[in-house]
Amino acid sequence: MDPALVMLRESPRGKAYRLSLEPGQTVRLPPNASDLFVVCLTDGTVTPAQRSLPGDGMKCTRGDFRLLERPDAPSLKNEGAGRVELTVIAVR
């Protein structure tokens, strides 16, 4: 697992992680999740990279969220000039 992901909680239904991305940094998200729920803790722009989503950036505003359904080996890249903080919940 990528060291940028810090596990917060684990249950039979999934795992929750804290994610801190520096400018230009890319992180592979947890594999084998049926869905990923991403919550923005700070403002910024991240790009999800997976086959089921277009390559458009996701503008993060504190409190925004996005569900990445059935991700195919997903990753996120920080496209902004500052650090982006996220919570990622990997649903089994």
N, C-alpha and C. Protein backbone atom coordinates (compact mmCIF):
# COMPACT_ATOMS: atom_id res chain seq x y z
N MET A 1 0.83 -1.18 0.00
CA MET A 1 0.00 0.00 0.00
C MET A 1 0.88 1.25 0.00
N ASP A 2 0.39 2.31 -0.61
CA ASP A 2 1.14 3.56 -0.72
C ASP A 2 1.31 4.20 0.67
N PRO A 3 2.52 4.68 1.01
CA PRO A 3 2.75 5.28 2.32
C PRO A 3 1.98 6.60 2.54
N ALA A 4 1.47 7.22 1.48
CA ALA A 4 0.68 8.45 1.64
C ALA A 4 -0.69 8.15 2.26
N LEU A 5 -1.13 6.88 2.20
CA LEU A 5 -2.40 6.47 2.80
C LEU A 5 -2.17 6.02 4.24
N VAL A 6 -2.84 6.67 5.17
CA VAL A 6 -2.74 6.31 6.59
C VAL A 6 -4.09 5.76 7.02
N MET A 7 -4.12 4.48 7.45
CA MET A 7 -5.40 3.87 7.82
C MET A 7 -5.92 4.48 9.12
N LEU A 8 -7.21 4.86 9.09
CA LEU A 8 -7.86 5.43 10.25
C LEU A 8 -8.71 4.40 10.98
N ARG A 9 -9.52 3.66 10.23
CA ARG A 9 -10.45 2.67 10.79
C ARG A 9 -10.59 1.50 9.83
N GLU A 10 -10.93 0.34 10.41
CA GLU A 10 -11.21 -0.84 9.61
C GLU A 10 -12.45 -1.53 10.17
N SER A 11 -13.30 -2.01 9.27
CA SER A 11 -14.48 -2.78 9.67
C SER A 11 -14.68 -3.89 8.64
N PRO A 12 -15.60 -4.81 8.90
CA PRO A 12 -15.86 -5.85 7.91
C PRO A 12 -16.35 -5.29 6.57
N ARG A 13 -16.90 -4.08 6.54
CA ARG A 13 -17.42 -3.48 5.31
C ARG A 13 -16.41 -2.64 4.57
N GLY A 14 -15.25 -2.35 5.18
CA GLY A 14 -14.25 -1.56 4.47
C GLY A 14 -13.22 -0.93 5.38
N LYS A 15 -12.45 0.00 4.79
CA LYS A 15 -11.38 0.70 5.52
C LYS A 15 -11.44 2.18 5.20
N ALA A 16 -11.10 3.01 6.19
CA ALA A 16 -11.04 4.46 6.00
C ALA A 16 -9.57 4.90 6.12
N TYR A 17 -9.16 5.80 5.23
CA TYR A 17 -7.78 6.28 5.18
C TYR A 17 -7.75 7.80 5.17
N ARG A 18 -6.67 8.35 5.69
CA ARG A 18 -6.36 9.77 5.54
C ARG A 18 -5.30 9.84 4.44
N LEU A 19 -5.45 10.80 3.54
CA LEU A 19 -4.54 10.94 2.41
C LEU A 19 -4.07 12.38 2.31
N SER A 20 -2.78 12.58 2.26
CA SER A 20 -2.18 13.89 2.10
C SER A 20 -1.33 13.87 0.84
N LEU A 21 -1.70 14.70 -0.15
CA LEU A 21 -0.99 14.72 -1.44
C LEU A 21 -0.28 16.06 -1.62
N GLU A 22 1.01 16.00 -1.84
CA GLU A 22 1.79 17.20 -2.15
C GLU A 22 1.56 17.56 -3.62
N PRO A 23 1.88 18.79 -4.03
CA PRO A 23 1.70 19.18 -5.43
C PRO A 23 2.42 18.22 -6.38
N GLY A 24 1.70 17.74 -7.39
CA GLY A 24 2.25 16.83 -8.39
C GLY A 24 2.33 15.37 -7.95
N GLN A 25 2.04 15.09 -6.70
CA GLN A 25 2.14 13.71 -6.19
C GLN A 25 0.95 12.87 -6.67
N THR A 26 1.24 11.61 -7.01
CA THR A 26 0.22 10.64 -7.40
C THR A 26 0.25 9.50 -6.41
N VAL A 27 -0.93 9.00 -6.06
CA VAL A 27 -1.03 7.88 -5.12
C VAL A 27 -1.98 6.84 -5.70
N ARG A 28 -1.60 5.57 -5.55
CA ARG A 28 -2.51 4.47 -5.91
C ARG A 28 -3.44 4.25 -4.74
N LEU A 29 -4.72 4.21 -5.03
CA LEU A 29 -5.73 4.00 -3.99
C LEU A 29 -5.86 2.52 -3.69
N PRO A 30 -6.49 2.17 -2.56
CA PRO A 30 -6.58 0.76 -2.18
C PRO A 30 -7.19 -0.11 -3.28
N PRO A 31 -6.55 -1.23 -3.59
CA PRO A 31 -7.08 -2.13 -4.61
C PRO A 31 -8.21 -2.98 -4.03
N ASN A 32 -8.93 -3.64 -4.89
CA ASN A 32 -9.97 -4.59 -4.50
C ASN A 32 -11.13 -3.98 -3.73
N ALA A 33 -11.40 -2.70 -3.92
CA ALA A 33 -12.57 -2.07 -3.31
C ALA A 33 -13.71 -2.09 -4.34
N SER A 34 -14.92 -2.35 -3.87
CA SER A 34 -16.04 -2.30 -4.81
C SER A 34 -16.36 -0.85 -5.19
N ASP A 35 -16.20 0.06 -4.24
CA ASP A 35 -16.39 1.50 -4.47
C ASP A 35 -15.42 2.26 -3.56
N LEU A 36 -15.09 3.50 -3.97
CA LEU A 36 -14.28 4.38 -3.14
C LEU A 36 -15.05 5.68 -2.92
N PHE A 37 -15.15 6.11 -1.67
CA PHE A 37 -15.81 7.36 -1.32
C PHE A 37 -14.71 8.33 -0.91
N VAL A 38 -14.56 9.45 -1.65
CA VAL A 38 -13.48 10.40 -1.43
C VAL A 38 -14.08 11.70 -0.89
N VAL A 39 -13.59 12.16 0.27
CA VAL A 39 -14.06 13.39 0.91
C VAL A 39 -12.92 14.39 0.93
N CYS A 40 -13.16 15.61 0.45
CA CYS A 40 -12.15 16.67 0.43
C CYS A 40 -12.09 17.35 1.80
N LEU A 41 -10.91 17.38 2.41
CA LEU A 41 -10.73 18.05 3.69
C LEU A 41 -10.12 19.44 3.50
N THR A 42 -9.52 19.68 2.32
CA THR A 42 -8.97 20.99 1.97
C THR A 42 -9.34 21.30 0.53
N ASP A 43 -9.10 22.53 0.12
CA ASP A 43 -9.33 22.93 -1.27
C ASP A 43 -8.17 22.46 -2.14
N GLY A 44 -8.44 22.21 -3.42
CA GLY A 44 -7.40 21.81 -4.36
C GLY A 44 -8.01 21.16 -5.58
N THR A 45 -7.16 20.63 -6.45
CA THR A 45 -7.60 19.93 -7.65
C THR A 45 -6.87 18.60 -7.73
N VAL A 46 -7.64 17.53 -7.84
CA VAL A 46 -7.06 16.20 -8.02
C VAL A 46 -7.63 15.59 -9.29
N THR A 47 -6.85 14.73 -9.90
CA THR A 47 -7.29 14.05 -11.11
C THR A 47 -7.40 12.56 -10.81
N PRO A 48 -8.62 12.01 -10.92
CA PRO A 48 -8.73 10.55 -10.80
C PRO A 48 -8.27 9.91 -12.09
N ALA A 49 -7.47 8.87 -11.98
CA ALA A 49 -6.98 8.17 -13.16
C ALA A 49 -7.46 6.73 -13.10
N GLN A 50 -8.52 6.46 -13.82
CA GLN A 50 -9.03 5.09 -13.94
C GLN A 50 -9.82 4.99 -15.22
N ARG A 51 -10.00 3.79 -15.69
CA ARG A 51 -10.64 3.60 -16.99
C ARG A 51 -12.11 4.00 -17.03
N SER A 52 -12.82 3.91 -15.88
CA SER A 52 -14.25 4.19 -15.90
C SER A 52 -14.58 5.66 -15.72
N LEU A 53 -13.58 6.52 -15.52
CA LEU A 53 -13.82 7.96 -15.37
C LEU A 53 -13.02 8.73 -16.42
N PRO A 54 -13.56 9.85 -16.89
CA PRO A 54 -12.76 10.70 -17.77
C PRO A 54 -11.60 11.30 -16.99
N GLY A 55 -10.59 11.79 -17.68
CA GLY A 55 -9.41 12.34 -17.03
C GLY A 55 -9.57 13.75 -16.50
N ASP A 56 -10.80 14.28 -16.45
CA ASP A 56 -11.02 15.63 -15.95
C ASP A 56 -10.66 15.75 -14.48
N GLY A 57 -10.17 16.94 -14.10
CA GLY A 57 -9.84 17.18 -12.71
C GLY A 57 -11.08 17.29 -11.84
N MET A 58 -10.92 16.93 -10.60
CA MET A 58 -11.99 17.05 -9.61
C MET A 58 -11.63 18.22 -8.71
N LYS A 59 -12.40 19.28 -8.80
CA LYS A 59 -12.15 20.46 -7.98
C LYS A 59 -12.61 20.15 -6.57
N CYS A 60 -11.69 20.13 -5.63
CA CYS A 60 -12.02 19.85 -4.24
C CYS A 60 -12.26 21.15 -3.49
N THR A 61 -13.38 21.22 -2.86
CA THR A 61 -13.67 22.28 -1.91
C THR A 61 -13.94 21.58 -0.60
N ARG A 62 -13.42 22.10 0.48
CA ARG A 62 -13.57 21.46 1.78
C ARG A 62 -15.01 21.01 2.00
N GLY A 63 -15.20 19.72 2.28
CA GLY A 63 -16.52 19.15 2.51
C GLY A 63 -17.14 18.48 1.31
N ASP A 64 -16.59 18.72 0.11
CA ASP A 64 -17.09 18.05 -1.10
C ASP A 64 -16.74 16.57 -1.04
N PHE A 65 -17.47 15.77 -1.79
CA PHE A 65 -17.20 14.34 -1.84
C PHE A 65 -17.54 13.80 -3.21
N ARG A 66 -17.00 12.64 -3.50
CA ARG A 66 -17.26 11.96 -4.77
C ARG A 66 -17.19 10.45 -4.54
N LEU A 67 -18.09 9.75 -5.20
CA LEU A 67 -18.09 8.29 -5.16
C LEU A 67 -17.46 7.79 -6.45
N LEU A 68 -16.40 7.00 -6.33
CA LEU A 68 -15.77 6.38 -7.49
C LEU A 68 -16.28 4.95 -7.52
N GLU A 69 -17.20 4.67 -8.42
CA GLU A 69 -17.83 3.36 -8.48
C GLU A 69 -16.97 2.36 -9.24
N ARG A 70 -16.83 1.18 -8.67
CA ARG A 70 -16.09 0.07 -9.28
C ARG A 70 -14.77 0.51 -9.91
N PRO A 71 -13.87 1.06 -9.10
CA PRO A 71 -12.61 1.57 -9.67
C PRO A 71 -11.73 0.45 -10.24
N ASP A 72 -11.03 0.77 -11.32
CA ASP A 72 -10.09 -0.16 -11.95
C ASP A 72 -8.68 0.31 -11.64
N ALA A 73 -8.09 -0.20 -10.56
CA ALA A 73 -6.74 0.20 -10.14
C ALA A 73 -6.61 1.72 -10.15
N PRO A 74 -7.43 2.42 -9.35
CA PRO A 74 -7.46 3.88 -9.40
C PRO A 74 -6.25 4.54 -8.75
N SER A 75 -6.00 5.75 -9.18
CA SER A 75 -5.00 6.59 -8.54
C SER A 75 -5.52 8.02 -8.56
N LEU A 76 -4.96 8.85 -7.68
CA LEU A 76 -5.29 10.27 -7.65
C LEU A 76 -4.00 11.05 -7.76
N LYS A 77 -4.05 12.16 -8.50
CA LYS A 77 -2.89 13.04 -8.64
C LYS A 77 -3.29 14.44 -8.21
N ASN A 78 -2.44 15.08 -7.41
CA ASN A 78 -2.66 16.47 -7.01
C ASN A 78 -2.19 17.37 -8.14
N GLU A 79 -3.12 18.06 -8.78
CA GLU A 79 -2.80 18.94 -9.91
C GLU A 79 -2.59 20.39 -9.48
N GLY A 80 -2.78 20.68 -8.18
CA GLY A 80 -2.69 22.06 -7.71
C GLY A 80 -1.31 22.44 -7.22
N ALA A 81 -1.23 23.68 -6.68
CA ALA A 81 0.03 24.22 -6.20
C ALA A 81 0.24 23.99 -4.71
N GLY A 82 -0.78 23.53 -4.00
CA GLY A 82 -0.67 23.29 -2.56
C GLY A 82 -1.06 21.87 -2.20
N ARG A 83 -0.79 21.51 -0.95
CA ARG A 83 -1.14 20.18 -0.45
C ARG A 83 -2.65 20.00 -0.42
N VAL A 84 -3.11 18.78 -0.74
CA VAL A 84 -4.52 18.42 -0.68
C VAL A 84 -4.68 17.31 0.35
N GLU A 85 -5.64 17.49 1.26
CA GLU A 85 -5.94 16.50 2.29
C GLU A 85 -7.30 15.87 1.97
N LEU A 86 -7.36 14.54 2.02
CA LEU A 86 -8.58 13.81 1.70
C LEU A 86 -8.81 12.69 2.71
N THR A 87 -10.06 12.26 2.81
CA THR A 87 -10.39 11.01 3.47
C THR A 87 -10.91 10.08 2.38
N VAL A 88 -10.41 8.85 2.37
CA VAL A 88 -10.82 7.85 1.37
C VAL A 88 -11.41 6.67 2.12
N ILE A 89 -12.63 6.29 1.78
CA ILE A 89 -13.27 5.12 2.37
C ILE A 89 -13.38 4.06 1.27
N ALA A 90 -12.71 2.94 1.48
CA ALA A 90 -12.72 1.83 0.53
C ALA A 90 -13.78 0.84 0.99
N VAL A 91 -14.85 0.70 0.22
CA VAL A 91 -15.96 -0.20 0.55
C VAL A 91 -15.69 -1.56 -0.09
N ARG A 92 -15.88 -2.62 0.69
CA ARG A 92 -15.64 -3.97 0.17
C ARG A 92 -16.86 -4.50 -0.53
